[in-house]
Amino acid sequence: MAVPGVARGLPLVLRMAVWCRALVVLAALLALDGCATSTRMAKMGPLPTTEPLVTLIVSDDRAVVERECREVHALGPILGCSLWRTVSPDGTTAVKIMKVVRYTDVVPSALALEIDVHELCHVVAALQPIDDPCHVGNGGVVQSGGPNVRAMIK
């Protein structure tokens, strides 16, 4: 017997339907979580033109690699590329700034990427008639590591 002004629970069948829908939505979210992709980008070696000497992009998303490497013509799938263009930071010296893009199965940690782009920056700078800009803004000290990493390098 219904009492006016008193709330009643939902019928058992309706409550089960709500729970079933909630479980389906949760399962779908968990399934999509495995499809997430990652891309990491690091820049190193600021030039007077405010452009970095080196940009490194690492991604487990083939679409990102293909988009970043769209200027490269290849017969097969593009899994990486290196692109460069010439700038003149001082108005007289020609400097090639580099962008390296690569596909990976596992994206590196922020620390590993920072080390990679730092060493790549030194290589690119050494092959050109410029002062090495790879420690400008960071003093040659790792920025992405936590306190344990910073303690290790002191």
C-alpha atoms as a PDB file:
ATOM      1  CA  MET A   1       0.000   0.000   0.000  1.00  0.00           C
ATOM      2  CA  ALA A   2       1.442   3.358  -1.084  1.00  0.00           C
ATOM      3  CA  VAL A   3       1.723   6.129   1.443  1.00  0.00           C
ATOM      4  CA  PRO A   4       1.414   9.636  -0.079  1.00  0.00           C
ATOM      5  CA  GLY A   5       4.599  11.760   0.227  1.00  0.00           C
ATOM      6  CA  VAL A   6       6.858   8.777   1.004  1.00  0.00           C
ATOM      7  CA  ALA A   7       9.509   7.753  -1.509  1.00  0.00           C
ATOM      8  CA  ARG A   8       9.689   4.137  -2.490  1.00  0.00           C
ATOM      9  CA  GLY A   9      12.618   2.210  -3.914  1.00  0.00           C
ATOM     10  CA  LEU A  10      12.784   1.432  -7.604  1.00  0.00           C
ATOM     11  CA  PRO A  11      11.393  -1.900  -8.632  1.00  0.00           C
ATOM     12  CA  LEU A  12      14.078  -4.617  -8.522  1.00  0.00           C
ATOM     13  CA  VAL A  13      14.078  -5.081 -12.310  1.00  0.00           C
ATOM     14  CA  LEU A  14      14.711  -1.361 -12.932  1.00  0.00           C
ATOM     15  CA  ARG A  15      17.555  -1.278 -10.365  1.00  0.00           C
ATOM     16  CA  MET A  16      19.207  -4.248 -12.086  1.00  0.00           C
ATOM     17  CA  ALA A  17      18.920  -2.532 -15.478  1.00  0.00           C
ATOM     18  CA  VAL A  18      20.645   0.573 -14.085  1.00  0.00           C
ATOM     19  CA  TRP A  19      23.469  -1.573 -12.642  1.00  0.00           C
ATOM     20  CA  CYS A  20      23.864  -3.451 -15.936  1.00  0.00           C
ATOM     21  CA  ARG A  21      24.172  -0.194 -17.883  1.00  0.00           C
ATOM     22  CA  ALA A  22      26.711   1.128 -15.395  1.00  0.00           C
ATOM     23  CA  LEU A  23      28.794  -2.047 -15.733  1.00  0.00           C
ATOM     24  CA  VAL A  24      28.686  -1.850 -19.535  1.00  0.00           C
ATOM     25  CA  VAL A  25      29.885   1.779 -19.440  1.00  0.00           C
ATOM     26  CA  LEU A  26      32.664   0.878 -16.979  1.00  0.00           C
ATOM     27  CA  ALA A  27      33.786  -2.057 -19.144  1.00  0.00           C
ATOM     28  CA  ALA A  28      33.872   0.189 -22.218  1.00  0.00           C
ATOM     29  CA  LEU A  29      35.996   2.771 -20.390  1.00  0.00           C
ATOM     30  CA  LEU A  30      38.432   0.093 -19.251  1.00  0.00           C
ATOM     31  CA  ALA A  31      38.669  -1.314 -22.779  1.00  0.00           C
ATOM     32  CA  LEU A  32      39.377   2.119 -24.259  1.00  0.00           C
ATOM     33  CA  ASP A  33      42.051   2.798 -21.656  1.00  0.00           C
ATOM     34  CA  GLY A  34      44.293   0.222 -23.335  1.00  0.00           C
ATOM     35  CA  CYS A  35      44.079   2.177 -26.608  1.00  0.00           C
ATOM     36  CA  ALA A  36      45.655   5.338 -25.236  1.00  0.00           C
ATOM     37  CA  THR A  37      48.684   6.611 -27.115  1.00  0.00           C
ATOM     38  CA  SER A  38      51.528   8.768 -25.913  1.00  0.00           C
ATOM     39  CA  THR A  39      53.781  11.339 -27.485  1.00  0.00           C
ATOM     40  CA  ARG A  40      56.709  13.067 -25.838  1.00  0.00           C
ATOM     41  CA  MET A  41      58.488  16.102 -27.214  1.00  0.00           C
ATOM     42  CA  ALA A  42      61.661  17.794 -25.994  1.00  0.00           C
ATOM     43  CA  LYS A  43      63.500  20.867 -27.258  1.00  0.00           C
ATOM     44  CA  MET A  44      67.090  21.792 -26.497  1.00  0.00           C
ATOM     45  CA  GLY A  45      69.625  24.450 -27.450  1.00  0.00           C
ATOM     46  CA  PRO A  46      67.845  27.797 -27.639  1.00  0.00           C
ATOM     47  CA  LEU A  47      69.201  30.033 -30.394  1.00  0.00           C
ATOM     48  CA  PRO A  48      68.992  33.853 -30.558  1.00  0.00           C
ATOM     49  CA  THR A  49      66.124  33.365 -33.038  1.00  0.00           C
ATOM     50  CA  THR A  50      64.215  31.820 -30.078  1.00  0.00           C
ATOM     51  CA  GLU A  51      64.097  28.508 -31.950  1.00  0.00           C
ATOM     52  CA  PRO A  52      65.640  25.380 -30.448  1.00  0.00           C
ATOM     53  CA  LEU A  53      68.635  23.799 -32.171  1.00  0.00           C
ATOM     54  CA  VAL A  54      67.054  20.357 -31.741  1.00  0.00           C
ATOM     55  CA  THR A  55      63.498  19.096 -31.319  1.00  0.00           C
ATOM     56  CA  LEU A  56      62.941  15.406 -30.558  1.00  0.00           C
ATOM     57  CA  ILE A  57      59.498  13.829 -30.874  1.00  0.00           C
ATOM     58  CA  VAL A  58      58.927  10.214 -29.812  1.00  0.00           C
ATOM     59  CA  SER A  59      55.490   8.632 -30.178  1.00  0.00           C
ATOM     60  CA  ASP A  60      53.757   5.281 -30.087  1.00  0.00           C
ATOM     61  CA  ASP A  61      51.092   6.787 -32.346  1.00  0.00           C
ATOM     62  CA  ARG A  62      51.856   6.183 -36.026  1.00  0.00           C
ATOM     63  CA  ALA A  63      49.522   9.030 -37.031  1.00  0.00           C
ATOM     64  CA  VAL A  64      51.665  11.509 -35.084  1.00  0.00           C
ATOM     65  CA  VAL A  65      54.831  10.261 -36.791  1.00  0.00           C
ATOM     66  CA  GLU A  66      53.203  10.401 -40.228  1.00  0.00           C
ATOM     67  CA  ARG A  67      51.897  13.936 -39.590  1.00  0.00           C
ATOM     68  CA  GLU A  68      55.253  15.239 -38.316  1.00  0.00           C
ATOM     69  CA  CYS A  69      57.089  13.546 -41.218  1.00  0.00           C
ATOM     70  CA  ARG A  70      54.594  14.541 -43.948  1.00  0.00           C
ATOM     71  CA  GLU A  71      57.379  16.289 -45.924  1.00  0.00           C
ATOM     72  CA  VAL A  72      59.299  13.010 -46.230  1.00  0.00           C
ATOM     73  CA  HIS A  73      58.535  10.866 -49.246  1.00  0.00           C
ATOM     74  CA  ALA A  74      58.905   7.122 -48.736  1.00  0.00           C
ATOM     75  CA  LEU A  75      57.710   3.978 -50.460  1.00  0.00           C
ATOM     76  CA  GLY A  76      56.776   2.176 -47.256  1.00  0.00           C
ATOM     77  CA  PRO A  77      55.463   3.143 -43.839  1.00  0.00           C
ATOM     78  CA  ILE A  78      57.262   6.048 -42.199  1.00  0.00           C
ATOM     79  CA  LEU A  79      58.574   5.098 -38.779  1.00  0.00           C
ATOM     80  CA  GLY A  80      60.724   8.178 -38.318  1.00  0.00           C
ATOM     81  CA  CYS A  81      62.465  11.069 -39.983  1.00  0.00           C
ATOM     82  CA  SER A  82      64.898  13.887 -39.505  1.00  0.00           C
ATOM     83  CA  LEU A  83      64.023  17.286 -40.897  1.00  0.00           C
ATOM     84  CA  TRP A  84      66.123  20.404 -40.906  1.00  0.00           C
ATOM     85  CA  ARG A  85      66.053  23.933 -42.108  1.00  0.00           C
ATOM     86  CA  THR A  86      68.651  26.655 -42.208  1.00  0.00           C
ATOM     87  CA  VAL A  87      68.406  29.781 -40.080  1.00  0.00           C
ATOM     88  CA  SER A  88      70.823  32.634 -39.472  1.00  0.00           C
ATOM     89  CA  PRO A  89      70.727  33.524 -35.766  1.00  0.00           C
ATOM     90  CA  ASP A  90      73.353  36.284 -36.056  1.00  0.00           C
ATOM     91  CA  GLY A  91      72.507  37.377 -39.587  1.00  0.00           C
ATOM     92  CA  THR A  92      75.664  35.859 -41.088  1.00  0.00           C
ATOM     93  CA  THR A  93      76.179  32.295 -39.859  1.00  0.00           C
ATOM     94  CA  ALA A  94      74.023  29.583 -41.408  1.00  0.00           C
ATOM     95  CA  VAL A  95      72.806  27.089 -38.784  1.00  0.00           C
ATOM     96  CA  LYS A  96      70.723  23.995 -39.413  1.00  0.00           C
ATOM     97  CA  ILE A  97      68.011  23.402 -36.829  1.00  0.00           C
ATOM     98  CA  MET A  98      66.912  19.784 -36.575  1.00  0.00           C
ATOM     99  CA  LYS A  99      63.688  17.980 -35.831  1.00  0.00           C
ATOM    100  CA  VAL A 100      63.956  14.240 -35.230  1.00  0.00           C
ATOM    101  CA  VAL A 101      60.753  12.202 -35.096  1.00  0.00           C
ATOM    102  CA  ARG A 102      60.555   8.507 -34.366  1.00  0.00           C
ATOM    103  CA  TYR A 103      57.999   5.834 -33.723  1.00  0.00           C
ATOM    104  CA  THR A 104      58.463   3.614 -30.685  1.00  0.00           C
ATOM    105  CA  ASP A 105      56.710   0.677 -29.079  1.00  0.00           C
ATOM    106  CA  VAL A 106      57.229   2.151 -25.598  1.00  0.00           C
ATOM    107  CA  VAL A 107      57.510   5.892 -24.990  1.00  0.00           C
ATOM    108  CA  PRO A 108      60.593   6.790 -22.920  1.00  0.00           C
ATOM    109  CA  SER A 109      60.346   8.452 -19.553  1.00  0.00           C
ATOM    110  CA  ALA A 110      60.724  12.218 -19.336  1.00  0.00           C
ATOM    111  CA  LEU A 111      64.220  11.716 -17.902  1.00  0.00           C
ATOM    112  CA  ALA A 112      65.325   9.382 -20.719  1.00  0.00           C
ATOM    113  CA  LEU A 113      63.930  11.762 -23.353  1.00  0.00           C
ATOM    114  CA  GLU A 114      65.715  14.723 -21.777  1.00  0.00           C
ATOM    115  CA  ILE A 115      69.030  12.849 -21.821  1.00  0.00           C
ATOM    116  CA  ASP A 116      68.472  11.795 -25.463  1.00  0.00           C
ATOM    117  CA  VAL A 117      67.677  15.319 -26.690  1.00  0.00           C
ATOM    118  CA  HIS A 118      70.564  16.771 -24.664  1.00  0.00           C
ATOM    119  CA  GLU A 119      73.138  14.445 -26.221  1.00  0.00           C
ATOM    120  CA  LEU A 120      71.623  14.897 -29.677  1.00  0.00           C
ATOM    121  CA  CYS A 121      71.894  18.659 -29.200  1.00  0.00           C
ATOM    122  CA  HIS A 122      75.644  18.364 -28.519  1.00  0.00           C
ATOM    123  CA  VAL A 123      76.110  16.312 -31.709  1.00  0.00           C
ATOM    124  CA  VAL A 124      74.202  18.794 -33.879  1.00  0.00           C
ATOM    125  CA  ALA A 125      76.047  21.770 -32.331  1.00  0.00           C
ATOM    126  CA  ALA A 126      79.481  20.136 -32.744  1.00  0.00           C
ATOM    127  CA  LEU A 127      78.915  19.715 -36.484  1.00  0.00           C
ATOM    128  CA  GLN A 128      78.247  23.421 -37.034  1.00  0.00           C
ATOM    129  CA  PRO A 129      80.236  26.667 -36.668  1.00  0.00           C
ATOM    130  CA  ILE A 130      78.386  27.803 -33.517  1.00  0.00           C
ATOM    131  CA  ASP A 131      78.928  27.899 -29.785  1.00  0.00           C
ATOM    132  CA  ASP A 132      77.201  24.923 -28.161  1.00  0.00           C
ATOM    133  CA  PRO A 133      73.833  26.231 -26.847  1.00  0.00           C
ATOM    134  CA  CYS A 134      72.832  22.948 -25.176  1.00  0.00           C
ATOM    135  CA  HIS A 135      73.427  24.128 -21.590  1.00  0.00           C
ATOM    136  CA  VAL A 136      71.659  27.468 -22.010  1.00  0.00           C
ATOM    137  CA  GLY A 137      68.702  27.623 -19.644  1.00  0.00           C
ATOM    138  CA  ASN A 138      69.537  24.391 -17.817  1.00  0.00           C
ATOM    139  CA  GLY A 139      73.192  24.731 -16.813  1.00  0.00           C
ATOM    140  CA  GLY A 140      73.727  21.155 -17.993  1.00  0.00           C
ATOM    141  CA  VAL A 141      71.629  19.847 -15.104  1.00  0.00           C
ATOM    142  CA  VAL A 142      68.781  17.378 -15.579  1.00  0.00           C
ATOM    143  CA  GLN A 143      65.446  19.146 -15.165  1.00  0.00           C
ATOM    144  CA  SER A 144      62.948  16.280 -15.379  1.00  0.00           C
ATOM    145  CA  GLY A 145      64.410  14.012 -12.706  1.00  0.00           C
ATOM    146  CA  GLY A 146      63.150  14.008  -9.161  1.00  0.00           C
ATOM    147  CA  PRO A 147      65.262  14.640  -6.053  1.00  0.00           C
ATOM    148  CA  ASN A 148      66.858  11.183  -6.282  1.00  0.00           C
ATOM    149  CA  VAL A 149      68.161  11.867  -9.802  1.00  0.00           C
ATOM    150  CA  ARG A 150      69.414  15.341  -8.877  1.00  0.00           C
ATOM    151  CA  ALA A 151      71.259  13.907  -5.865  1.00  0.00           C
ATOM    152  CA  MET A 152      72.864  11.278  -8.097  1.00  0.00           C
ATOM    153  CA  ILE A 153      74.382  13.851 -10.491  1.00  0.00           C
ATOM    154  CA  LYS A 154      75.869  16.139  -7.852  1.00  0.00           C
END
